[in-house]
Amino acid sequence: MNLVLESHNVEVTDAIKEHVQFCINKIEHMNQRAVEARVHLERDHVGLPTNKFKCAIHLYFKGADLFAEDYENDLYASIDLVTKKIQSQLRKRHNKIITRHQSGASKAKEEFQVATV
């Protein structure tokens, strides 16, 4: 997966890069079909004093893309919470696919049993 790290009013240190890479690896472990992950880090120094840091992750797939963002006081906490949001979206998408396959199989099984009786 291609990783694009963008920042606005945030100095991206090696530690931040490593943390983002670690979180993206977690996401990639759940679903290897993502083409690109675009991470945008931003510090809002003009707005409210709370929730200064924003992290947004946009995952690009061949089909529908996933997007999540979060505002927190701590940049690392923001990155972690966005990662959890993306993971829950991936889990939801995966469960929908599994349910669709299982319901199709159970309908076929019922039709087969009715046809044989």
Protein backbone atom coordinates (compact mmCIF):
# COMPACT_ATOMS: atom_id res chain seq x y z
CA MET A 1 0.00 0.00 0.00
CA ASN A 2 1.24 3.44 -0.88
CA LEU A 3 1.39 5.85 2.10
CA VAL A 4 1.10 9.61 1.62
CA LEU A 5 1.69 11.71 4.73
CA GLU A 6 0.61 15.34 4.57
CA SER A 7 0.82 17.93 7.34
CA HIS A 8 -0.34 21.46 8.00
CA ASN A 9 1.19 23.45 10.90
CA VAL A 10 2.73 20.23 12.24
CA GLU A 11 6.40 19.33 12.14
CA VAL A 12 6.52 15.69 11.11
CA THR A 13 9.27 14.03 13.11
CA ASP A 14 10.64 10.52 12.68
CA ALA A 15 8.63 9.37 15.70
CA ILE A 16 5.39 10.62 14.16
CA LYS A 17 6.25 8.94 10.84
CA GLU A 18 6.95 5.66 12.62
CA HIS A 19 3.71 5.86 14.60
CA VAL A 20 1.66 6.56 11.47
CA GLN A 21 3.42 3.71 9.63
CA PHE A 22 2.69 1.37 12.56
CA CYS A 23 -1.01 2.30 12.49
CA ILE A 24 -1.24 1.94 8.71
CA ASN A 25 0.39 -1.50 8.99
CA LYS A 26 -2.39 -2.50 11.41
CA ILE A 27 -4.98 -1.38 8.89
CA GLU A 28 -3.17 -3.14 6.04
CA HIS A 29 -3.08 -6.35 8.08
CA MET A 30 -6.89 -6.29 8.20
CA ASN A 31 -7.36 -5.67 4.47
CA GLN A 32 -4.62 -5.91 1.85
CA ARG A 33 -6.73 -4.55 -1.00
CA ALA A 34 -6.16 -0.88 -0.22
CA VAL A 35 -4.29 0.91 -2.99
CA GLU A 36 -3.29 4.05 -1.11
CA ALA A 37 -3.53 5.53 2.37
CA ARG A 38 -3.50 9.31 2.61
CA VAL A 39 -2.91 10.65 6.14
CA HIS A 40 -3.41 14.35 6.83
CA LEU A 41 -2.15 15.83 10.11
CA GLU A 42 -3.15 19.33 11.07
CA ARG A 43 -2.74 21.66 14.05
CA ASP A 44 -5.43 24.30 14.59
CA HIS A 45 -3.86 27.20 16.48
CA VAL A 46 -6.62 29.69 15.68
CA GLY A 47 -9.72 27.80 16.85
CA LEU A 48 -10.71 26.53 20.24
CA PRO A 49 -7.96 25.74 22.76
CA THR A 50 -9.22 22.16 23.12
CA ASN A 51 -8.91 19.55 20.40
CA LYS A 52 -6.03 21.25 18.63
CA PHE A 53 -4.85 18.35 16.50
CA LYS A 54 -6.72 16.80 13.62
CA CYS A 55 -5.87 13.54 11.92
CA ALA A 56 -7.68 12.32 8.83
CA ILE A 57 -7.12 9.03 7.02
CA HIS A 58 -8.45 8.38 3.54
CA LEU A 59 -8.10 4.80 2.29
CA TYR A 60 -8.42 4.33 -1.45
CA PHE A 61 -9.74 1.03 -2.79
CA LYS A 62 -10.74 -0.01 -6.29
CA GLY A 63 -14.35 0.30 -5.13
CA ALA A 64 -15.72 2.57 -2.43
CA ASP A 65 -13.14 4.46 -0.35
CA LEU A 66 -13.03 4.83 3.43
CA PHE A 67 -12.53 8.07 5.33
CA ALA A 68 -12.27 8.96 9.01
CA GLU A 69 -11.07 11.96 10.98
CA ASP A 70 -10.72 12.92 14.62
CA TYR A 71 -9.82 15.99 16.70
CA GLU A 72 -7.89 15.59 19.95
CA ASN A 73 -5.53 17.45 22.29
CA ASP A 74 -2.74 14.97 21.58
CA LEU A 75 -1.59 14.16 18.06
CA TYR A 76 -0.77 10.54 18.89
CA ALA A 77 -4.20 10.03 20.47
CA SER A 78 -5.81 11.49 17.37
CA ILE A 79 -3.89 9.09 15.13
CA ASP A 80 -4.85 6.12 17.31
CA LEU A 81 -8.54 7.02 17.38
CA VAL A 82 -8.70 7.50 13.62
CA THR A 83 -7.03 4.12 13.19
CA LYS A 84 -9.71 2.53 15.39
CA LYS A 85 -12.45 4.22 13.36
CA ILE A 86 -11.01 2.91 10.09
CA GLN A 87 -10.62 -0.57 11.59
CA SER A 88 -14.28 -0.59 12.65
CA GLN A 89 -15.32 0.49 9.15
CA LEU A 90 -13.23 -2.33 7.66
CA ARG A 91 -14.77 -4.81 10.12
CA LYS A 92 -18.27 -3.62 9.19
CA ARG A 93 -17.52 -3.97 5.47
CA HIS A 94 -16.08 -7.45 6.00
CA ASN A 95 -19.09 -8.58 8.06
CA LYS A 96 -21.48 -7.34 5.37
CA ILE A 97 -19.68 -9.42 2.75
CA ILE A 98 -19.68 -12.53 4.96
CA THR A 99 -23.37 -12.12 5.77
CA ARG A 100 -24.23 -11.71 2.09
CA HIS A 101 -22.38 -14.93 1.20
CA GLN A 102 -23.92 -16.88 4.08
CA SER A 103 -27.46 -15.75 3.30
CA GLY A 104 -27.01 -16.74 -0.34
CA ALA A 105 -25.71 -20.15 0.65
CA SER A 106 -28.56 -20.76 3.11
CA LYS A 107 -31.16 -19.79 0.46
CA ALA A 108 -29.59 -22.20 -2.01
CA LYS A 109 -29.61 -24.95 0.61
CA GLU A 110 -33.31 -24.36 1.38
CA GLU A 111 -34.18 -24.40 -2.31
CA PHE A 112 -32.27 -27.66 -2.74
CA GLN A 113 -34.08 -29.27 0.19
CA VAL A 114 -37.49 -28.15 -1.11
CA ALA A 115 -36.66 -29.44 -4.58
CA THR A 116 -35.64 -32.88 -3.32
CA VAL A 117 -38.78 -33.35 -1.19
